[in-house]
Protein backbone atom coordinates (compact mmCIF):
# COMPACT_ATOMS: atom_id res chain seq x y z
CA UNK A 1 -5.07 -25.95 -12.15
CA UNK A 2 -6.47 -29.00 -10.32
CA UNK A 3 -10.06 -28.25 -11.39
CA UNK A 4 -8.96 -27.70 -14.98
CA UNK A 5 -7.00 -30.97 -15.02
CA UNK A 6 -9.97 -32.86 -13.68
CA UNK A 7 -12.24 -31.36 -16.37
CA UNK A 8 -9.81 -32.44 -19.08
CA UNK A 9 -9.76 -35.97 -17.71
CA UNK A 10 -13.56 -36.15 -17.78
CA UNK A 11 -13.54 -34.97 -21.37
CA UNK A 12 -10.97 -37.63 -22.18
CA UNK A 13 -13.20 -40.25 -20.57
CA UNK A 14 -16.00 -39.42 -23.00
CA UNK A 15 -13.79 -39.75 -26.08
CA UNK A 16 -13.49 -43.57 -26.23
CA UNK A 17 -13.47 -43.68 -30.00
CA UNK A 18 -10.38 -41.50 -30.09
CA UNK A 19 -8.25 -43.35 -27.60
CA UNK A 20 -9.83 -46.80 -27.90
CA UNK A 21 -10.23 -47.35 -24.18
CA UNK A 22 -13.36 -48.51 -22.39
CA UNK A 23 -15.26 -46.21 -20.10
CA UNK A 24 -14.48 -48.36 -17.07
CA UNK A 25 -10.73 -48.18 -17.74
CA UNK A 26 -10.85 -44.44 -18.12
CA UNK A 27 -12.92 -44.10 -14.95
CA UNK A 28 -10.35 -46.09 -13.02
CA UNK A 29 -7.65 -43.79 -14.35
CA UNK A 30 -9.61 -40.73 -13.32
CA UNK A 31 -10.09 -42.07 -9.79
CA UNK A 32 -6.43 -42.89 -9.59
CA UNK A 33 -5.53 -39.33 -10.69
CA UNK A 34 -7.96 -37.92 -8.12
CA UNK A 35 -6.15 -39.85 -5.45
CA UNK A 36 -2.79 -38.56 -6.72
CA UNK A 37 -4.10 -34.97 -6.77
CA UNK A 38 -5.36 -35.27 -3.19
CA UNK A 39 -1.99 -36.58 -2.08
CA UNK A 40 -0.22 -33.77 -3.88
CA UNK A 41 -2.45 -31.17 -2.20
CA UNK A 42 -1.53 -32.54 1.22
CA UNK A 43 2.11 -32.53 0.22
CA UNK A 44 1.98 -28.93 -0.94
CA UNK A 45 0.26 -27.79 2.27
CA UNK A 46 2.88 -29.52 4.39
CA UNK A 47 5.67 -27.98 2.33
CA UNK A 48 4.13 -24.51 2.70
CA UNK A 49 4.25 -24.92 6.48
CA UNK A 50 7.86 -26.03 6.24
CA UNK A 51 8.71 -22.96 4.14
CA UNK A 52 7.07 -20.64 6.68
CA UNK A 53 9.10 -22.21 9.48
CA UNK A 54 12.21 -21.93 7.32
CA UNK A 55 11.70 -18.21 6.70
CA UNK A 56 11.12 -17.54 10.43
CA UNK A 57 14.36 -19.30 11.29
CA UNK A 58 16.28 -17.32 8.67
CA UNK A 59 14.99 -14.00 10.04
CA UNK A 60 16.16 -14.86 13.54
CA UNK A 61 19.58 -16.06 12.43
CA UNK A 62 22.41 -13.55 12.28
CA UNK A 63 24.49 -15.60 9.85
CA UNK A 64 23.64 -15.88 6.17
CA UNK A 65 25.56 -19.15 5.93
CA UNK A 66 23.63 -20.61 8.86
CA UNK A 67 20.35 -19.53 7.24
CA UNK A 68 21.34 -21.28 4.01
CA UNK A 69 22.21 -24.47 5.89
CA UNK A 70 18.88 -24.47 7.73
CA UNK A 71 17.08 -23.93 4.40
CA UNK A 72 18.78 -26.95 2.81
CA UNK A 73 18.14 -29.19 5.82
CA UNK A 74 14.48 -28.22 5.99
CA UNK A 75 14.08 -28.49 2.22
CA UNK A 76 15.40 -32.07 1.96
CA UNK A 77 13.04 -33.76 4.37
CA UNK A 78 11.52 -37.06 3.20
CA UNK A 79 8.29 -36.71 1.27
CA UNK A 80 6.27 -39.51 -0.36
CA UNK A 81 5.31 -37.97 -3.74
CA UNK A 82 6.29 -35.18 -6.10
CA UNK A 83 4.61 -32.07 -7.44
CA UNK A 84 5.13 -28.59 -8.66
CA UNK A 85 3.49 -25.64 -6.99
CA UNK A 86 3.51 -21.92 -6.82
CA UNK A 87 2.49 -20.38 -3.58
CA UNK A 88 -0.18 -17.68 -3.80
CA UNK A 89 1.30 -14.26 -3.21
CA UNK A 90 0.34 -12.70 0.15
CA UNK A 91 -1.09 -9.32 1.04
CA UNK A 92 2.16 -8.03 2.48
CA UNK A 93 4.14 -8.35 -0.77
CA UNK A 94 6.94 -10.43 0.75
CA UNK A 95 10.14 -11.25 -1.14
CA UNK A 96 9.86 -13.92 -3.83
CA UNK A 97 12.18 -16.78 -3.04
CA UNK A 98 12.15 -19.93 -5.15
CA UNK A 99 13.30 -23.06 -3.35
CA UNK A 100 13.54 -26.58 -4.74
CA UNK A 101 12.30 -29.28 -2.36
CA UNK A 102 13.43 -32.82 -3.19
CA UNK A 103 10.98 -35.67 -2.70
CA UNK A 104 11.35 -39.44 -2.59
CA UNK A 105 10.85 -39.87 -6.34
CA UNK A 106 13.67 -37.44 -7.06
CA UNK A 107 11.46 -34.78 -8.71
CA UNK A 108 11.62 -31.24 -7.39
CA UNK A 109 8.77 -29.07 -6.24
CA UNK A 110 9.26 -25.35 -6.94
CA UNK A 111 7.73 -23.33 -4.13
CA UNK A 112 7.62 -19.62 -5.02
CA UNK A 113 7.08 -17.04 -2.31
CA UNK A 114 5.85 -13.47 -2.95
CA UNK A 115 8.09 -10.67 -4.18
CA UNK A 116 8.69 -7.46 -2.21
CA UNK A 117 7.86 -5.47 -5.31
CA UNK A 118 4.59 -7.36 -5.82
CA UNK A 119 2.87 -5.40 -3.09
CA UNK A 120 -0.82 -4.81 -2.51
CA UNK A 121 -0.44 -1.34 -3.97
CA UNK A 122 1.19 -2.76 -7.12
CA UNK A 123 -1.53 -5.38 -7.57
CA UNK A 124 -4.24 -2.79 -6.99
CA UNK A 125 -2.69 -0.58 -9.66
CA UNK A 126 -2.49 -3.54 -12.03
CA UNK A 127 -6.14 -4.34 -11.36
CA UNK A 128 -7.18 -0.76 -12.12
CA UNK A 129 -5.20 -0.82 -15.36
CA UNK A 130 -6.87 -4.06 -16.44
CA UNK A 131 -10.29 -2.70 -15.48
CA UNK A 132 -9.81 0.49 -17.51
CA UNK A 133 -8.44 -1.49 -20.42
CA UNK A 134 -11.64 -3.51 -20.51
CA UNK A 135 -13.85 -0.44 -20.02
CA UNK A 136 -12.16 1.83 -22.55
CA UNK A 137 -10.62 -0.69 -24.91
CA UNK A 138 -7.09 0.48 -24.31
CA UNK A 139 -4.81 2.23 -21.84
CA UNK A 140 -6.59 3.95 -18.96
CA UNK A 141 -7.17 7.62 -19.81
CA UNK A 142 -6.76 8.63 -16.17
CA UNK A 143 -4.52 7.69 -13.28
CA UNK A 144 -6.95 7.50 -10.34
CA UNK A 145 -5.88 7.32 -6.71
CA UNK A 146 -7.31 8.62 -3.47
CA UNK A 147 -7.60 8.34 0.29
CA UNK A 148 -9.78 9.09 3.30
CA UNK A 149 -9.42 9.11 7.08
CA UNK A 150 -11.54 8.46 10.14
CA UNK A 151 -10.73 9.89 13.59
CA UNK A 152 -11.67 9.19 17.19
CA UNK A 153 -10.65 11.85 19.73
CA UNK A 154 -11.00 11.79 23.49
CA UNK A 155 -13.71 14.17 24.64
CA UNK A 156 -12.62 17.28 26.51
CA UNK A 157 -14.20 20.43 25.15
CA UNK A 158 -15.43 18.67 22.00
CA UNK A 159 -19.04 17.55 21.70
CA UNK A 160 -18.47 14.67 19.26
CA UNK A 161 -15.63 12.15 19.54
CA UNK A 162 -15.99 10.62 16.05
CA UNK A 163 -15.14 12.42 12.86
CA UNK A 164 -15.04 11.30 9.26
CA UNK A 165 -12.30 13.45 7.76
CA UNK A 166 -11.57 14.34 4.18
CA UNK A 167 -12.25 12.00 1.28
CA UNK A 168 -9.94 12.88 -1.59
CA UNK A 169 -10.00 11.61 -5.16
CA UNK A 170 -6.82 12.36 -7.14
CA UNK A 171 -6.90 12.34 -10.95
CA UNK A 172 -3.98 12.64 -13.35
CA UNK A 173 -4.05 12.70 -17.15
CA UNK A 174 -1.07 13.08 -19.49
CA UNK A 175 -1.85 14.57 -22.90
CA UNK A 176 1.61 13.83 -24.25
CA UNK A 177 5.23 13.85 -23.12
CA UNK A 178 5.11 17.56 -22.17
CA UNK A 179 1.54 18.38 -21.06
CA UNK A 180 -0.58 16.96 -18.28
CA UNK A 181 -3.35 17.88 -15.87
CA UNK A 182 -3.97 16.73 -12.32
CA UNK A 183 -6.60 17.52 -9.73
CA UNK A 184 -7.65 16.59 -6.21
CA UNK A 185 -11.38 16.55 -5.49
CA UNK A 186 -12.08 16.80 -1.75
CA UNK A 187 -15.26 15.96 0.14
CA UNK A 188 -15.25 17.22 3.73
CA UNK A 189 -17.93 18.36 6.19
CA UNK A 190 -20.69 17.44 3.72
CA UNK A 191 -19.30 19.75 1.03
CA UNK A 192 -17.12 19.23 -2.00
CA UNK A 193 -14.28 21.39 -3.30
CA UNK A 194 -11.28 21.33 -5.58
CA UNK A 195 -8.23 21.10 -3.32
CA UNK A 196 -5.74 21.00 -6.18
CA UNK A 197 -6.13 21.45 -9.92
CA UNK A 198 -3.26 22.31 -12.27
CA UNK A 199 -2.34 22.37 -15.93
CA UNK A 200 1.29 21.31 -16.17
CA UNK A 201 4.03 21.78 -18.75
CA UNK A 202 7.17 19.73 -18.11
CA UNK A 203 10.41 19.01 -19.91
CA UNK A 204 11.58 15.72 -18.46
CA UNK A 205 9.31 13.86 -16.08
CA UNK A 206 5.71 13.21 -17.15
CA UNK A 207 4.35 12.37 -13.68
CA UNK A 208 2.61 15.31 -12.00
CA UNK A 209 2.10 14.69 -8.25
CA UNK A 210 -1.10 16.22 -6.96
CA UNK A 211 0.31 16.74 -3.47
CA UNK A 212 3.30 15.82 -1.38
CA UNK A 213 6.88 15.36 -2.53
CA UNK A 214 7.09 17.15 -5.86
CA UNK A 215 10.91 17.41 -5.89
CA UNK A 216 11.90 13.75 -5.62
CA UNK A 217 13.11 13.41 -9.21
CA UNK A 218 14.93 15.75 -11.62
CA UNK A 219 12.65 17.84 -13.80
CA UNK A 220 11.25 21.25 -14.67
CA UNK A 221 7.56 22.16 -14.38
CA UNK A 222 5.44 25.23 -15.12
CA UNK A 223 1.92 25.07 -13.69
CA UNK A 224 -1.23 27.16 -13.57
CA UNK A 225 -4.19 26.49 -11.31
CA UNK A 226 -4.68 25.73 -7.62
CA UNK A 227 -1.95 24.02 -5.61
CA UNK A 228 -0.25 23.61 -2.25
CA UNK A 229 2.61 26.05 -1.89
CA UNK A 230 6.02 24.38 -1.38
CA UNK A 231 6.83 26.49 1.66
CA UNK A 232 8.99 24.93 4.36
CA UNK A 233 8.78 21.15 4.59
CA UNK A 234 5.36 20.31 6.02
CA UNK A 235 3.62 20.79 2.64
CA UNK A 236 4.80 17.23 1.90
CA UNK A 237 2.51 15.94 4.67
CA UNK A 238 -0.72 17.89 4.15
CA UNK A 239 -2.53 14.69 3.15
CA UNK A 240 -3.36 12.51 6.15
CA UNK A 241 -1.99 9.39 4.44
CA UNK A 242 1.40 11.08 4.01
CA UNK A 243 1.66 12.35 7.59
CA UNK A 244 3.25 9.85 10.02
CA UNK A 245 1.33 11.29 12.98
CA UNK A 246 -2.16 12.79 13.21
CA UNK A 247 -1.91 16.53 13.88
CA UNK A 248 -0.04 19.17 11.89
CA UNK A 249 2.71 21.19 13.62
CA UNK A 250 1.85 24.57 15.14
CA UNK A 251 3.80 26.33 12.39
CA UNK A 252 1.30 24.94 9.89
CA UNK A 253 -1.80 25.33 12.06
CA UNK A 254 -1.08 28.90 13.20
CA UNK A 255 1.31 30.73 10.89
CA UNK A 256 0.25 29.01 7.66
CA UNK A 257 -3.42 29.14 8.68
CA UNK A 258 -3.75 25.39 8.24
CA UNK A 259 -1.43 25.08 5.23
CA UNK A 260 -0.67 27.41 2.32
CA UNK A 261 -2.90 26.68 -0.69
CA UNK A 262 -3.95 29.21 -3.32
CA UNK A 263 -4.66 29.93 -7.00
CA UNK A 264 -1.92 31.16 -9.30
CA UNK A 265 1.08 30.09 -11.33
CA UNK A 266 4.35 28.47 -10.32
CA UNK A 267 7.49 26.90 -11.67
CA UNK A 268 9.65 24.37 -9.91
CA UNK A 269 12.34 21.86 -10.61
CA UNK A 270 15.38 19.93 -9.48
CA UNK A 271 18.85 20.43 -10.90
CA UNK A 272 21.87 18.60 -9.52
CA UNK A 273 21.79 18.97 -5.75
CA UNK A 274 19.29 21.87 -5.69
CA UNK A 275 15.51 22.26 -5.64
CA UNK A 276 13.92 25.55 -6.61
CA UNK A 277 10.40 26.95 -6.86
CA UNK A 278 8.83 30.34 -7.52
CA UNK A 279 5.14 31.19 -7.46
CA UNK A 280 2.71 34.11 -7.78
CA UNK A 281 -0.70 33.50 -6.18
CA UNK A 282 -3.70 35.21 -4.66
CA UNK A 283 -3.21 36.74 -1.22
CA UNK A 284 -3.00 34.26 1.63
CA UNK A 285 -3.77 36.72 4.43
CA UNK A 286 -6.48 38.91 2.90
CA UNK A 287 -9.57 38.88 0.72
CA UNK A 288 -7.78 40.89 -1.95
CA UNK A 289 -4.24 41.31 -3.19
CA UNK A 290 -1.57 38.84 -4.22
CA UNK A 291 1.51 37.05 -2.95
CA UNK A 292 4.84 35.92 -4.36
CA UNK A 293 7.30 33.48 -2.86
CA UNK A 294 9.57 30.54 -3.34
CA UNK A 295 11.81 27.90 -1.85
CA UNK A 296 15.42 26.90 -2.42
CA UNK A 297 16.80 23.65 -1.03
CA UNK A 298 20.17 21.92 -1.04
CA UNK A 299 20.62 18.16 -0.64
CA UNK A 300 24.09 16.56 -0.79
CA UNK A 301 23.05 13.05 -1.87
CA UNK A 302 20.31 10.50 -1.93
CA UNK A 303 20.00 8.05 0.94
CA UNK A 304 20.90 4.40 0.30
CA UNK A 305 20.25 3.54 3.96
CA UNK A 306 16.68 4.74 4.40
CA UNK A 307 14.44 2.06 5.95
CA UNK A 308 11.40 4.11 6.99
CA UNK A 309 8.53 4.92 4.63
CA UNK A 310 8.00 8.63 5.20
CA UNK A 311 9.64 11.73 3.80
CA UNK A 312 12.06 12.31 0.97
CA UNK A 313 14.54 9.62 -0.15
CA UNK A 314 17.42 12.07 0.34
CA UNK A 315 19.97 11.63 3.08
CA UNK A 316 19.76 15.29 4.19
CA UNK A 317 18.08 18.45 2.97
CA UNK A 318 18.39 22.11 3.98
CA UNK A 319 15.80 24.57 2.70
CA UNK A 320 14.99 28.29 2.79
CA UNK A 321 11.51 29.65 2.04
CA UNK A 322 10.05 33.14 1.72
CA UNK A 323 6.64 34.67 1.06
CA UNK A 324 5.63 38.29 0.43
CA UNK A 325 1.92 38.97 0.82
CA UNK A 326 0.62 42.25 -0.70
CA UNK A 327 -2.60 44.23 -0.83
CA UNK A 328 -4.30 45.28 -4.08
CA UNK A 329 -1.95 48.27 -4.37
CA UNK A 330 1.06 45.92 -4.11
CA UNK A 331 2.06 47.30 -0.71
CA UNK A 332 3.59 44.61 1.50
CA UNK A 333 1.11 43.32 4.04
CA UNK A 334 3.05 40.35 5.45
CA UNK A 335 6.52 38.92 5.08
CA UNK A 336 7.13 35.28 6.01
CA UNK A 337 10.46 33.48 5.86
CA UNK A 338 11.80 30.26 7.32
CA UNK A 339 14.35 27.48 7.33
CA UNK A 340 13.87 23.72 7.38
CA UNK A 341 16.16 20.72 7.78
CA UNK A 342 15.47 17.04 7.13
CA UNK A 343 17.71 14.07 7.94
CA UNK A 344 17.09 10.50 6.78
CA UNK A 345 19.20 7.68 8.12
CA UNK A 346 18.49 4.02 8.67
CA UNK A 347 15.32 3.76 10.80
CA UNK A 348 15.15 7.47 11.64
CA UNK A 349 13.51 10.50 10.04
CA UNK A 350 14.25 13.87 11.66
CA UNK A 351 12.34 16.95 10.48
CA UNK A 352 12.75 20.43 11.92
CA UNK A 353 11.30 23.71 10.73
CA UNK A 354 11.36 27.34 11.89
CA UNK A 355 9.42 30.25 10.41
CA UNK A 356 8.74 33.89 11.20
CA UNK A 357 5.95 36.21 10.07
CA UNK A 358 6.28 40.00 10.14
CA UNK A 359 3.03 41.90 9.75
CA UNK A 360 3.11 45.40 8.23
CA UNK A 361 -0.58 46.19 8.56
CA UNK A 362 -2.72 46.76 11.65
CA UNK A 363 -5.56 44.33 12.24
CA UNK A 364 -9.01 45.80 12.87
CA UNK A 365 -11.81 43.91 14.59
CA UNK A 366 -15.40 43.93 13.37
CA UNK A 367 -16.07 46.71 15.86
CA UNK A 368 -13.15 48.78 14.45
CA UNK A 369 -10.86 48.10 17.41
CA UNK A 370 -7.22 48.34 16.34
CA UNK A 371 -5.40 45.17 17.43
CA UNK A 372 -2.07 46.28 15.97
CA UNK A 373 0.34 44.22 13.90
CA UNK A 374 0.34 40.45 14.33
CA UNK A 375 3.97 39.30 14.22
CA UNK A 376 4.60 35.67 15.15
CA UNK A 377 7.12 32.86 14.90
CA UNK A 378 7.26 29.15 15.61
CA UNK A 379 9.20 25.94 15.17
CA UNK A 380 8.87 22.19 15.51
CA UNK A 381 11.18 19.18 15.80
CA UNK A 382 9.73 15.84 14.69
CA UNK A 383 11.32 12.39 14.95
CA UNK A 384 9.97 9.18 13.38
CA UNK A 385 11.55 5.83 14.28
CA UNK A 386 10.82 2.47 12.68
CA UNK A 387 10.39 -0.34 15.24
CA UNK A 388 9.72 -3.30 12.97
CA UNK A 389 13.15 -4.86 13.51
CA UNK A 390 12.55 -4.89 17.27
CA UNK A 391 8.89 -5.88 17.60
CA UNK A 392 8.59 -7.93 14.38
CA UNK A 393 5.50 -5.94 13.43
CA UNK A 394 5.09 -2.96 11.02
CA UNK A 395 5.10 -0.42 13.86
CA UNK A 396 6.77 2.99 14.13
CA UNK A 397 7.09 5.58 16.90
CA UNK A 398 6.77 9.35 16.42
CA UNK A 399 7.36 12.33 18.68
CA UNK A 400 7.28 16.09 18.22
CA UNK A 401 7.94 19.22 20.22
CA UNK A 402 6.65 22.48 18.76
CA UNK A 403 6.08 26.05 19.85
CA UNK A 404 4.10 29.04 18.61
CA UNK A 405 5.18 32.51 19.75
CA UNK A 406 2.62 35.23 18.90
CA UNK A 407 3.99 38.72 19.52
CA UNK A 408 0.45 39.90 20.17
CA UNK A 409 -2.15 39.03 22.79
CA UNK A 410 -5.52 39.16 21.00
CA UNK A 411 -6.79 37.00 18.14
CA UNK A 412 -10.10 37.31 16.28
CA UNK A 413 -12.63 34.51 15.94
CA UNK A 414 -12.45 32.81 12.54
CA UNK A 415 -16.21 33.09 11.94
CA UNK A 416 -17.08 36.32 13.76
CA UNK A 417 -14.53 39.15 13.77
CA UNK A 418 -16.45 40.96 16.50
CA UNK A 419 -15.30 38.27 18.97
CA UNK A 420 -11.71 38.16 20.23
CA UNK A 421 -9.71 35.76 22.41
CA UNK A 422 -6.55 36.15 24.44
CA UNK A 423 -3.50 34.13 23.36
CA UNK A 424 0.00 33.54 24.77
CA UNK A 425 3.07 31.53 23.90
CA UNK A 426 1.99 27.98 23.18
CA UNK A 427 4.13 24.86 23.60
CA UNK A 428 3.05 21.34 22.75
CA UNK A 429 4.45 17.84 23.17
CA UNK A 430 3.15 15.07 20.94
CA UNK A 431 4.04 11.39 20.72
CA UNK A 432 2.49 8.11 19.67
CA UNK A 433 2.70 5.02 17.50
CA UNK A 434 1.57 3.99 14.06
CA UNK A 435 0.72 0.51 12.80
CA UNK A 436 0.52 -0.41 9.13
CA UNK A 437 -2.30 -2.93 9.23
CA UNK A 438 -1.78 -3.57 5.53
CA UNK A 439 0.21 -1.57 3.04
CA UNK A 440 -2.65 0.79 2.18
CA UNK A 441 -4.17 1.02 5.66
CA UNK A 442 -2.51 2.80 8.59
CA UNK A 443 -3.68 3.20 12.20
CA UNK A 444 -2.17 6.00 14.31
CA UNK A 445 -2.48 6.65 18.05
CA UNK A 446 -1.38 10.11 19.21
CA UNK A 447 -1.19 11.78 22.62
CA UNK A 448 -0.75 15.56 22.86
CA UNK A 449 -0.23 17.96 25.76
CA UNK A 450 0.02 21.75 25.47
CA UNK A 451 2.19 22.01 28.60
CA UNK A 452 0.08 24.80 30.02
CA UNK A 453 -2.87 26.56 28.40
CA UNK A 454 -1.78 29.16 25.84
CA UNK A 455 -5.16 30.43 24.61
CA UNK A 456 -8.74 30.82 25.75
CA UNK A 457 -10.18 29.97 22.34
CA UNK A 458 -13.22 27.67 22.49
CA UNK A 459 -12.83 23.95 21.71
CA UNK A 460 -9.17 24.16 22.74
CA UNK A 461 -8.06 20.92 24.40
CA UNK A 462 -5.13 21.15 26.81
CA UNK A 463 -4.38 17.46 26.26
CA UNK A 464 -5.94 14.45 24.68
CA UNK A 465 -5.67 11.24 22.71
CA UNK A 466 -6.45 10.88 19.02
CA UNK A 467 -6.85 7.63 17.08
CA UNK A 468 -6.88 7.93 13.31
CA UNK A 469 -7.25 5.39 10.53
CA UNK A 470 -6.14 6.34 7.03
CA UNK A 471 -6.77 4.36 3.87
CA UNK A 472 -5.48 4.91 0.35
CA UNK A 473 -6.55 3.31 -2.89
């Protein structure tokens, strides 16, 4: 605004015939205005500092009335000149508060602070929309988001401490009010793949989440393609940017073989206080065959007191999941069922999950050694606590205790089924902290300890520290 005003004044100075003033008179006026502008800039800077001090005092005060009094006293300090100013909105998307500061001349200066809703994520989305509008001459044809992560792990039995994890690009396109497509393109370990890709028919809600919390709003969806199976509760945290800690629970790593994901069809929706999903997909435990399963969940109400940023917005949720894995002749090969419970309140998120797998088929090694059936069970209890109110920084603490109970003693190598390793009950304790550097960038520090070695698999660390940085865009 200041540069523009100065340019207009220079233009005015060159238009003597219009205004009938001499060049020297106009030049004096311009210099006088420059002096006024410089004074106003100093005034605005000083008022910005006063506003910052005012906000800090209000946060520390327990009384709203006292905060208001401090604001008025700080806002009415003597100032020599007057101006109007809007404060540039900050990266943290703070709450927009307009305060009128009286000056000696009696004119008010409106100082506007950023709005909570005007976050970095919101401005980034707005920028992308404007960019696509310029590129395509209209509304963006695609909703494009994504994320990646970078990890540093203490060396134990690992050769390399640094690891660039998955880079995921999520695309969503709505044909009309009932049809949409979405996909997740994943680059990991120098190779690319389609992690998720679905064609979606919906009745109510047009948004089609690629991953994560698909049940947050009422709706009904029928999908065909590749997707994460909504089994248990950890499917909401498969993406590293959605997970409050670094590692997945043992129920996901061991029983779900890293997380259920397959090709097939599914339907899901939310009605009243219930979530439901049914799916038919390719086999999850064999090279041939198929699987069917589903999840039913009950939640009494949404949570008006949630202060943390992870998990569902519901106050509490109780879910039951099942999966039947079959061979090509439709004979049952595995049966998996489980329960999960989530509680959201104030600064706390509590997530617990238990699942059991019954195997109905003997496992043969590459040398035709019969290892028998591989029944197993496991559970985890995870707690996330927001600490921002205590440390005045966007920090949270997480902890988890989980256990894997294989009812067998031999497991085959993932890459060579002629090699086998001995396994036992495995218990693990995990805890750490996360720091939201900015809204789209999170740094997590995690310590884990297996509380006694439970397997002789290679590259198995009994304990260690992991630092992970996740970024979304």
